């Protein structure tokens, strides 16, 4: 099986000609089947790499370990897939500390993001109107035009904004964001991504959100939070929720322990 077929097989979707409808289905399958997670980030760092995995390695770990990655790994490799499927893609900075994809279809440009751990389940034609609002899992995602080639991205829950970022709507090549991607692997306390375990996956009506020893299961009715004190019970729940291998979880716990962060009593 070639690499593109392996990726599509993981997404449980067939190859089709590029279209807006196909792109939306690819995004929805991605959010459901490929998690946002930091297990692979710790692994790559331990292997001596501070770079986004190449396309072949990324797909290998999709298949073998159930991994996805954080924003740079997910969006860069999804864009690589889209280009191999015939789409025209570029990257856009989302400040601070994020990158998303600009996909051009029939002279219209769409914002695509499978690397934010949020329910952005469709392409957004940002330039089509002043404001766009998405709803999902008790959250509002709001895009607002704030000037030439700039959009404000807000995430709100219970009427309160908990994340604000600024999209710079200027197309960039992959090589123009490589240094930023590498900086996301910095092993320091100020880089919070390297100091906690995180994972997000959307499956049916449920959103699974992992932050260290707490697993939240959110749907349209309620939020259930499971706080684990025993590592074995935590590992069983995380494997089931995110379909990842146990070895990566062990490696992640050990990575944090070496930096003075202990999630479970020994």
C-alpha atoms as a PDB file:
ATOM      1  CA  UNK A   1       0.000   0.000   0.000  1.00  0.00           C
ATOM      2  CA  UNK A   2       1.418   3.423  -0.950  1.00  0.00           C
ATOM      3  CA  UNK A   3       1.630   6.203   1.651  1.00  0.00           C
ATOM      4  CA  UNK A   4      -1.375   8.196   0.417  1.00  0.00           C
ATOM      5  CA  UNK A   5      -3.514   5.059   0.446  1.00  0.00           C
ATOM      6  CA  UNK A   6      -2.295   4.310   3.956  1.00  0.00           C
ATOM      7  CA  UNK A   7      -3.367   7.769   5.141  1.00  0.00           C
ATOM      8  CA  UNK A   8      -6.779   7.470   3.446  1.00  0.00           C
ATOM      9  CA  UNK A   9      -7.194   3.979   4.847  1.00  0.00           C
ATOM     10  CA  UNK A  10      -6.632   5.372   8.337  1.00  0.00           C
ATOM     11  CA  UNK A  11      -9.237   8.047   7.561  1.00  0.00           C
ATOM     12  CA  UNK A  12     -11.641   5.359   6.321  1.00  0.00           C
ATOM     13  CA  UNK A  13     -12.342   7.314   3.156  1.00  0.00           C
ATOM     14  CA  UNK A  14     -11.746   6.601  -0.530  1.00  0.00           C
ATOM     15  CA  UNK A  15      -9.763   8.704  -2.961  1.00  0.00           C
ATOM     16  CA  UNK A  16     -11.858  11.181  -4.965  1.00  0.00           C
ATOM     17  CA  UNK A  17     -11.315  14.172  -7.203  1.00  0.00           C
ATOM     18  CA  UNK A  18     -10.731  17.424  -5.305  1.00  0.00           C
ATOM     19  CA  UNK A  19     -13.940  19.224  -4.356  1.00  0.00           C
ATOM     20  CA  UNK A  20     -15.244  21.300  -1.459  1.00  0.00           C
ATOM     21  CA  UNK A  21     -17.533  18.479  -0.356  1.00  0.00           C
ATOM     22  CA  UNK A  22     -14.669  15.950  -0.346  1.00  0.00           C
ATOM     23  CA  UNK A  23     -12.494  18.362   1.631  1.00  0.00           C
ATOM     24  CA  UNK A  24     -15.193  18.739   4.277  1.00  0.00           C
ATOM     25  CA  UNK A  25     -15.529  14.967   4.629  1.00  0.00           C
ATOM     26  CA  UNK A  26     -11.741  14.586   4.884  1.00  0.00           C
ATOM     27  CA  UNK A  27     -11.719  17.131   7.731  1.00  0.00           C
ATOM     28  CA  UNK A  28     -14.569  15.417   9.578  1.00  0.00           C
ATOM     29  CA  UNK A  29     -12.934  11.990   9.289  1.00  0.00           C
ATOM     30  CA  UNK A  30      -9.592  13.455  10.418  1.00  0.00           C
ATOM     31  CA  UNK A  31     -11.020  14.969  13.600  1.00  0.00           C
ATOM     32  CA  UNK A  32     -12.769  11.706  14.393  1.00  0.00           C
ATOM     33  CA  UNK A  33      -9.996   9.233  13.625  1.00  0.00           C
ATOM     34  CA  UNK A  34      -6.669  11.030  14.145  1.00  0.00           C
ATOM     35  CA  UNK A  35      -6.126  12.608  17.570  1.00  0.00           C
ATOM     36  CA  UNK A  36      -4.461  15.813  18.576  1.00  0.00           C
ATOM     37  CA  UNK A  37      -1.912  14.475  21.062  1.00  0.00           C
ATOM     38  CA  UNK A  38       1.461  15.148  22.679  1.00  0.00           C
ATOM     39  CA  UNK A  39       2.617  11.508  23.052  1.00  0.00           C
ATOM     40  CA  UNK A  40       4.312  11.597  19.662  1.00  0.00           C
ATOM     41  CA  UNK A  41       5.870  14.997  20.379  1.00  0.00           C
ATOM     42  CA  UNK A  42       7.704  13.613  23.411  1.00  0.00           C
ATOM     43  CA  UNK A  43       8.749  10.576  21.354  1.00  0.00           C
ATOM     44  CA  UNK A  44      10.218  12.624  18.496  1.00  0.00           C
ATOM     45  CA  UNK A  45      12.121  14.785  20.973  1.00  0.00           C
ATOM     46  CA  UNK A  46      13.545  11.709  22.695  1.00  0.00           C
ATOM     47  CA  UNK A  47      14.653  10.429  19.289  1.00  0.00           C
ATOM     48  CA  UNK A  48      16.717  13.583  18.815  1.00  0.00           C
ATOM     49  CA  UNK A  49      14.334  15.266  16.388  1.00  0.00           C
ATOM     50  CA  UNK A  50      12.899  18.743  16.796  1.00  0.00           C
ATOM     51  CA  UNK A  51      11.121  18.728  13.472  1.00  0.00           C
ATOM     52  CA  UNK A  52       7.740  17.742  12.115  1.00  0.00           C
ATOM     53  CA  UNK A  53       7.884  14.093  10.978  1.00  0.00           C
ATOM     54  CA  UNK A  54       8.094  13.565   7.249  1.00  0.00           C
ATOM     55  CA  UNK A  55       5.028  12.287   5.435  1.00  0.00           C
ATOM     56  CA  UNK A  56       6.077   8.627   5.419  1.00  0.00           C
ATOM     57  CA  UNK A  57       6.939   8.533   9.129  1.00  0.00           C
ATOM     58  CA  UNK A  58       3.765  10.398  10.050  1.00  0.00           C
ATOM     59  CA  UNK A  59       1.606   7.882   8.182  1.00  0.00           C
ATOM     60  CA  UNK A  60       3.574   4.954   9.619  1.00  0.00           C
ATOM     61  CA  UNK A  61       2.791   6.170  13.130  1.00  0.00           C
ATOM     62  CA  UNK A  62      -0.863   6.736  12.209  1.00  0.00           C
ATOM     63  CA  UNK A  63      -1.044   3.069  11.332  1.00  0.00           C
ATOM     64  CA  UNK A  64       1.280   1.517  13.928  1.00  0.00           C
ATOM     65  CA  UNK A  65       0.712   3.635  17.013  1.00  0.00           C
ATOM     66  CA  UNK A  66      -2.523   5.550  16.484  1.00  0.00           C
ATOM     67  CA  UNK A  67      -0.752   8.894  16.771  1.00  0.00           C
ATOM     68  CA  UNK A  68      -1.526  12.216  15.153  1.00  0.00           C
ATOM     69  CA  UNK A  69       0.426  15.054  16.723  1.00  0.00           C
ATOM     70  CA  UNK A  70       0.072  18.694  17.663  1.00  0.00           C
ATOM     71  CA  UNK A  71      -0.751  21.551  15.308  1.00  0.00           C
ATOM     72  CA  UNK A  72       2.401  21.613  13.173  1.00  0.00           C
ATOM     73  CA  UNK A  73       2.585  17.853  12.652  1.00  0.00           C
ATOM     74  CA  UNK A  74      -1.140  17.523  11.966  1.00  0.00           C
ATOM     75  CA  UNK A  75      -1.685  20.495   9.682  1.00  0.00           C
ATOM     76  CA  UNK A  76       1.588  20.210   7.763  1.00  0.00           C
ATOM     77  CA  UNK A  77       1.017  16.524   7.038  1.00  0.00           C
ATOM     78  CA  UNK A  78      -2.673  17.022   6.227  1.00  0.00           C
ATOM     79  CA  UNK A  79      -1.642  19.711   3.731  1.00  0.00           C
ATOM     80  CA  UNK A  80       0.881  17.268   2.242  1.00  0.00           C
ATOM     81  CA  UNK A  81      -1.946  14.769   1.804  1.00  0.00           C
ATOM     82  CA  UNK A  82      -4.252  17.363   0.254  1.00  0.00           C
ATOM     83  CA  UNK A  83      -1.608  18.372  -2.272  1.00  0.00           C
ATOM     84  CA  UNK A  84      -1.071  14.738  -3.244  1.00  0.00           C
ATOM     85  CA  UNK A  85      -4.844  14.504  -3.765  1.00  0.00           C
ATOM     86  CA  UNK A  86      -4.722  17.482  -6.134  1.00  0.00           C
ATOM     87  CA  UNK A  87      -5.632  20.424  -3.883  1.00  0.00           C
ATOM     88  CA  UNK A  88      -3.784  23.750  -3.885  1.00  0.00           C
ATOM     89  CA  UNK A  89      -2.551  24.484  -0.359  1.00  0.00           C
ATOM     90  CA  UNK A  90      -0.521  27.050   1.551  1.00  0.00           C
ATOM     91  CA  UNK A  91       0.062  27.704   5.244  1.00  0.00           C
ATOM     92  CA  UNK A  92      -1.046  30.644   7.386  1.00  0.00           C
ATOM     93  CA  UNK A  93       0.298  31.820  10.716  1.00  0.00           C
ATOM     94  CA  UNK A  94      -2.154  31.879  13.610  1.00  0.00           C
ATOM     95  CA  UNK A  95      -0.518  33.841  16.399  1.00  0.00           C
ATOM     96  CA  UNK A  96       0.582  33.024  18.950  1.00  0.00           C
ATOM     97  CA  UNK A  97       2.075  29.600  18.292  1.00  0.00           C
ATOM     98  CA  UNK A  98      -0.162  27.979  15.703  1.00  0.00           C
ATOM     99  CA  UNK A  99      -0.355  27.234  11.989  1.00  0.00           C
ATOM    100  CA  UNK A 100      -3.348  26.443   9.763  1.00  0.00           C
ATOM    101  CA  UNK A 101      -3.947  25.672   6.085  1.00  0.00           C
ATOM    102  CA  UNK A 102      -5.244  27.834   3.234  1.00  0.00           C
ATOM    103  CA  UNK A 103      -6.898  25.687   0.563  1.00  0.00           C
ATOM    104  CA  UNK A 104      -7.837  27.294  -2.763  1.00  0.00           C
ATOM    105  CA  UNK A 105     -10.762  25.782  -4.688  1.00  0.00           C
ATOM    106  CA  UNK A 106     -12.096  27.488  -7.834  1.00  0.00           C
ATOM    107  CA  UNK A 107     -10.634  30.893  -6.878  1.00  0.00           C
ATOM    108  CA  UNK A 108     -12.080  30.769  -3.357  1.00  0.00           C
ATOM    109  CA  UNK A 109      -9.757  30.446  -0.352  1.00  0.00           C
ATOM    110  CA  UNK A 110     -10.728  28.352   2.660  1.00  0.00           C
ATOM    111  CA  UNK A 111      -9.360  28.180   6.196  1.00  0.00           C
ATOM    112  CA  UNK A 112      -8.732  24.554   7.251  1.00  0.00           C
ATOM    113  CA  UNK A 113      -7.492  23.385  10.663  1.00  0.00           C
ATOM    114  CA  UNK A 114      -7.294  19.764  11.846  1.00  0.00           C
ATOM    115  CA  UNK A 115      -4.559  20.565  14.386  1.00  0.00           C
ATOM    116  CA  UNK A 116      -6.237  22.707  17.013  1.00  0.00           C
ATOM    117  CA  UNK A 117      -8.100  20.078  19.009  1.00  0.00           C
ATOM    118  CA  UNK A 118     -11.339  21.948  18.335  1.00  0.00           C
ATOM    119  CA  UNK A 119     -14.514  21.182  16.377  1.00  0.00           C
ATOM    120  CA  UNK A 120     -13.636  23.108  13.206  1.00  0.00           C
ATOM    121  CA  UNK A 121     -15.430  20.516  11.143  1.00  0.00           C
ATOM    122  CA  UNK A 122     -15.600  22.330   7.815  1.00  0.00           C
ATOM    123  CA  UNK A 123     -13.598  24.658   5.591  1.00  0.00           C
ATOM    124  CA  UNK A 124     -14.294  28.352   6.300  1.00  0.00           C
ATOM    125  CA  UNK A 125     -14.332  30.862   3.450  1.00  0.00           C
ATOM    126  CA  UNK A 126     -13.092  33.689   5.657  1.00  0.00           C
ATOM    127  CA  UNK A 127     -13.267  36.401   3.011  1.00  0.00           C
ATOM    128  CA  UNK A 128     -16.917  35.709   2.143  1.00  0.00           C
ATOM    129  CA  UNK A 129     -18.271  37.736   5.052  1.00  0.00           C
ATOM    130  CA  UNK A 130     -17.275  39.793   8.086  1.00  0.00           C
ATOM    131  CA  UNK A 131     -18.016  37.144  10.711  1.00  0.00           C
ATOM    132  CA  UNK A 132     -18.327  33.352  10.873  1.00  0.00           C
ATOM    133  CA  UNK A 133     -19.531  31.344  13.879  1.00  0.00           C
ATOM    134  CA  UNK A 134     -19.177  27.591  14.367  1.00  0.00           C
ATOM    135  CA  UNK A 135     -20.893  25.644  17.160  1.00  0.00           C
ATOM    136  CA  UNK A 136     -19.912  22.326  18.666  1.00  0.00           C
ATOM    137  CA  UNK A 137     -19.604  20.529  22.015  1.00  0.00           C
ATOM    138  CA  UNK A 138     -20.692  23.539  24.048  1.00  0.00           C
ATOM    139  CA  UNK A 139     -18.224  25.790  22.277  1.00  0.00           C
ATOM    140  CA  UNK A 140     -18.444  28.727  19.885  1.00  0.00           C
ATOM    141  CA  UNK A 141     -15.627  29.359  17.428  1.00  0.00           C
ATOM    142  CA  UNK A 142     -15.823  32.891  16.027  1.00  0.00           C
ATOM    143  CA  UNK A 143     -13.872  34.322  13.102  1.00  0.00           C
ATOM    144  CA  UNK A 144     -13.975  38.111  12.717  1.00  0.00           C
ATOM    145  CA  UNK A 145     -12.366  40.249  10.021  1.00  0.00           C
ATOM    146  CA  UNK A 146     -10.194  42.812  11.823  1.00  0.00           C
ATOM    147  CA  UNK A 147      -8.328  44.361   8.898  1.00  0.00           C
ATOM    148  CA  UNK A 148      -6.476  43.636   5.722  1.00  0.00           C
ATOM    149  CA  UNK A 149      -5.468  39.939   5.706  1.00  0.00           C
ATOM    150  CA  UNK A 150      -6.175  39.615   9.438  1.00  0.00           C
ATOM    151  CA  UNK A 151      -8.898  37.727  11.280  1.00  0.00           C
ATOM    152  CA  UNK A 152      -9.558  37.324  14.987  1.00  0.00           C
ATOM    153  CA  UNK A 153     -10.151  33.732  16.096  1.00  0.00           C
ATOM    154  CA  UNK A 154     -12.027  33.339  19.388  1.00  0.00           C
ATOM    155  CA  UNK A 155     -13.113  30.207  21.218  1.00  0.00           C
ATOM    156  CA  UNK A 156     -15.915  30.689  23.740  1.00  0.00           C
ATOM    157  CA  UNK A 157     -17.652  28.455  26.249  1.00  0.00           C
ATOM    158  CA  UNK A 158     -20.490  29.522  28.551  1.00  0.00           C
ATOM    159  CA  UNK A 159     -20.308  32.988  27.047  1.00  0.00           C
ATOM    160  CA  UNK A 160     -16.655  33.460  28.022  1.00  0.00           C
ATOM    161  CA  UNK A 161     -13.699  33.646  25.634  1.00  0.00           C
ATOM    162  CA  UNK A 162     -10.959  31.227  26.678  1.00  0.00           C
ATOM    163  CA  UNK A 163      -8.656  31.458  23.631  1.00  0.00           C
ATOM    164  CA  UNK A 164      -7.914  34.359  21.309  1.00  0.00           C
ATOM    165  CA  UNK A 165      -5.608  34.148  18.301  1.00  0.00           C
ATOM    166  CA  UNK A 166      -4.928  36.250  15.223  1.00  0.00           C
ATOM    167  CA  UNK A 167      -4.931  34.715  11.753  1.00  0.00           C
ATOM    168  CA  UNK A 168      -2.530  36.292   9.278  1.00  0.00           C
ATOM    169  CA  UNK A 169      -4.258  35.456   6.019  1.00  0.00           C
ATOM    170  CA  UNK A 170      -1.108  35.463   3.884  1.00  0.00           C
ATOM    171  CA  UNK A 171      -0.109  32.261   2.050  1.00  0.00           C
ATOM    172  CA  UNK A 172       3.233  30.755   3.105  1.00  0.00           C
ATOM    173  CA  UNK A 173       5.287  27.819   1.882  1.00  0.00           C
ATOM    174  CA  UNK A 174       6.235  24.980   4.206  1.00  0.00           C
ATOM    175  CA  UNK A 175       9.859  26.112   4.406  1.00  0.00           C
ATOM    176  CA  UNK A 176       8.694  29.494   5.740  1.00  0.00           C
ATOM    177  CA  UNK A 177       7.232  27.942   8.890  1.00  0.00           C
ATOM    178  CA  UNK A 178       9.905  25.296   9.601  1.00  0.00           C
ATOM    179  CA  UNK A 179      11.679  27.364  12.273  1.00  0.00           C
ATOM    180  CA  UNK A 180       8.400  28.008  14.090  1.00  0.00           C
ATOM    181  CA  UNK A 181       7.579  24.315  13.992  1.00  0.00           C
ATOM    182  CA  UNK A 182      11.007  23.486  15.440  1.00  0.00           C
ATOM    183  CA  UNK A 183      10.540  26.028  18.249  1.00  0.00           C
ATOM    184  CA  UNK A 184       7.401  24.143  19.358  1.00  0.00           C
ATOM    185  CA  UNK A 185       9.718  21.308  20.471  1.00  0.00           C
ATOM    186  CA  UNK A 186      11.720  23.507  22.871  1.00  0.00           C
ATOM    187  CA  UNK A 187      12.292  21.594  26.087  1.00  0.00           C
ATOM    188  CA  UNK A 188      11.648  24.383  28.580  1.00  0.00           C
ATOM    189  CA  UNK A 189       9.046  25.237  31.211  1.00  0.00           C
ATOM    190  CA  UNK A 190       7.752  28.192  29.177  1.00  0.00           C
ATOM    191  CA  UNK A 191       6.684  25.770  26.426  1.00  0.00           C
ATOM    192  CA  UNK A 192       3.657  24.315  28.204  1.00  0.00           C
ATOM    193  CA  UNK A 193       3.014  21.792  25.422  1.00  0.00           C
ATOM    194  CA  UNK A 194       6.196  19.995  26.480  1.00  0.00           C
ATOM    195  CA  UNK A 195       5.179  19.959  30.142  1.00  0.00           C
ATOM    196  CA  UNK A 196       1.783  18.254  30.054  1.00  0.00           C
ATOM    197  CA  UNK A 197      -0.039  15.395  28.412  1.00  0.00           C
ATOM    198  CA  UNK A 198      -2.814  16.511  26.084  1.00  0.00           C
ATOM    199  CA  UNK A 199      -5.079  14.717  23.648  1.00  0.00           C
ATOM    200  CA  UNK A 200      -8.343  15.539  21.877  1.00  0.00           C
ATOM    201  CA  UNK A 201     -10.535  13.397  19.654  1.00  0.00           C
ATOM    202  CA  UNK A 202     -14.068  13.824  18.310  1.00  0.00           C
ATOM    203  CA  UNK A 203     -16.007  10.595  17.980  1.00  0.00           C
ATOM    204  CA  UNK A 204     -19.682  10.676  17.086  1.00  0.00           C
ATOM    205  CA  UNK A 205     -21.451  12.904  19.595  1.00  0.00           C
ATOM    206  CA  UNK A 206     -18.555  12.782  22.075  1.00  0.00           C
ATOM    207  CA  UNK A 207     -15.433  14.864  22.427  1.00  0.00           C
ATOM    208  CA  UNK A 208     -12.655  13.217  24.439  1.00  0.00           C
ATOM    209  CA  UNK A 209     -10.342  15.740  26.092  1.00  0.00           C
ATOM    210  CA  UNK A 210      -7.303  14.572  28.046  1.00  0.00           C
ATOM    211  CA  UNK A 211      -5.219  16.859  30.226  1.00  0.00           C
ATOM    212  CA  UNK A 212      -2.680  14.983  32.322  1.00  0.00           C
ATOM    213  CA  UNK A 213      -4.550  12.613  34.676  1.00  0.00           C
ATOM    214  CA  UNK A 214      -8.039  13.986  33.846  1.00  0.00           C
ATOM    215  CA  UNK A 215     -10.162  12.718  30.970  1.00  0.00           C
ATOM    216  CA  UNK A 216     -13.276  14.690  30.075  1.00  0.00           C
ATOM    217  CA  UNK A 217     -16.024  13.292  27.886  1.00  0.00           C
ATOM    218  CA  UNK A 218     -18.145  16.106  26.439  1.00  0.00           C
ATOM    219  CA  UNK A 219     -21.293  15.916  24.367  1.00  0.00           C
ATOM    220  CA  UNK A 220     -24.333  18.059  23.670  1.00  0.00           C
ATOM    221  CA  UNK A 221     -25.952  17.073  26.966  1.00  0.00           C
ATOM    222  CA  UNK A 222     -23.227  17.170  29.595  1.00  0.00           C
ATOM    223  CA  UNK A 223     -19.554  16.979  30.550  1.00  0.00           C
ATOM    224  CA  UNK A 224     -18.220  14.031  32.525  1.00  0.00           C
ATOM    225  CA  UNK A 225     -14.783  14.412  34.102  1.00  0.00           C
ATOM    226  CA  UNK A 226     -12.821  11.332  35.166  1.00  0.00           C
ATOM    227  CA  UNK A 227      -9.904  12.015  37.527  1.00  0.00           C
ATOM    228  CA  UNK A 228      -7.540   9.050  37.690  1.00  0.00           C
ATOM    229  CA  UNK A 229      -5.268   8.312  40.631  1.00  0.00           C
ATOM    230  CA  UNK A 230      -4.022   4.946  39.377  1.00  0.00           C
ATOM    231  CA  UNK A 231      -1.860   4.767  36.268  1.00  0.00           C
ATOM    232  CA  UNK A 232      -3.220   1.429  35.066  1.00  0.00           C
ATOM    233  CA  UNK A 233      -6.819   2.629  35.069  1.00  0.00           C
ATOM    234  CA  UNK A 234      -5.777   5.851  33.336  1.00  0.00           C
ATOM    235  CA  UNK A 235      -3.888   3.979  30.628  1.00  0.00           C
ATOM    236  CA  UNK A 236      -6.816   1.684  29.936  1.00  0.00           C
ATOM    237  CA  UNK A 237      -9.187   4.649  29.562  1.00  0.00           C
ATOM    238  CA  UNK A 238      -6.790   6.640  27.367  1.00  0.00           C
ATOM    239  CA  UNK A 239      -6.093   3.709  25.035  1.00  0.00           C
ATOM    240  CA  UNK A 240      -9.823   3.164  24.637  1.00  0.00           C
ATOM    241  CA  UNK A 241     -10.651   6.853  24.067  1.00  0.00           C
ATOM    242  CA  UNK A 242      -7.823   7.697  21.659  1.00  0.00           C
ATOM    243  CA  UNK A 243      -6.905   4.321  20.139  1.00  0.00           C
ATOM    244  CA  UNK A 244      -3.195   4.831  20.813  1.00  0.00           C
ATOM    245  CA  UNK A 245      -0.597   2.315  21.966  1.00  0.00           C
ATOM    246  CA  UNK A 246       0.361   1.848  25.620  1.00  0.00           C
ATOM    247  CA  UNK A 247       4.080   2.238  25.007  1.00  0.00           C
ATOM    248  CA  UNK A 248       3.638   5.859  23.990  1.00  0.00           C
ATOM    249  CA  UNK A 249       1.759   6.563  27.205  1.00  0.00           C
ATOM    250  CA  UNK A 250       4.517   4.995  29.309  1.00  0.00           C
ATOM    251  CA  UNK A 251       7.107   7.041  27.437  1.00  0.00           C
ATOM    252  CA  UNK A 252       5.130  10.238  27.992  1.00  0.00           C
ATOM    253  CA  UNK A 253       4.817   9.657  31.738  1.00  0.00           C
ATOM    254  CA  UNK A 254       8.567   8.971  31.943  1.00  0.00           C
ATOM    255  CA  UNK A 255       9.328  12.105  29.884  1.00  0.00           C
ATOM    256  CA  UNK A 256       7.423  14.295  32.350  1.00  0.00           C
ATOM    257  CA  UNK A 257       8.857  12.524  35.409  1.00  0.00           C
ATOM    258  CA  UNK A 258      12.375  13.406  34.261  1.00  0.00           C
ATOM    259  CA  UNK A 259      11.264  17.041  34.321  1.00  0.00           C
ATOM    260  CA  UNK A 260       9.839  16.849  37.827  1.00  0.00           C
ATOM    261  CA  UNK A 261       6.185  16.315  36.870  1.00  0.00           C
ATOM    262  CA  UNK A 262       4.635  13.199  38.410  1.00  0.00           C
ATOM    263  CA  UNK A 263       1.048  12.413  37.453  1.00  0.00           C
ATOM    264  CA  UNK A 264       0.692   9.276  39.571  1.00  0.00           C
ATOM    265  CA  UNK A 265       2.080   8.056  42.867  1.00  0.00           C
ATOM    266  CA  UNK A 266       4.513   5.179  42.566  1.00  0.00           C
END
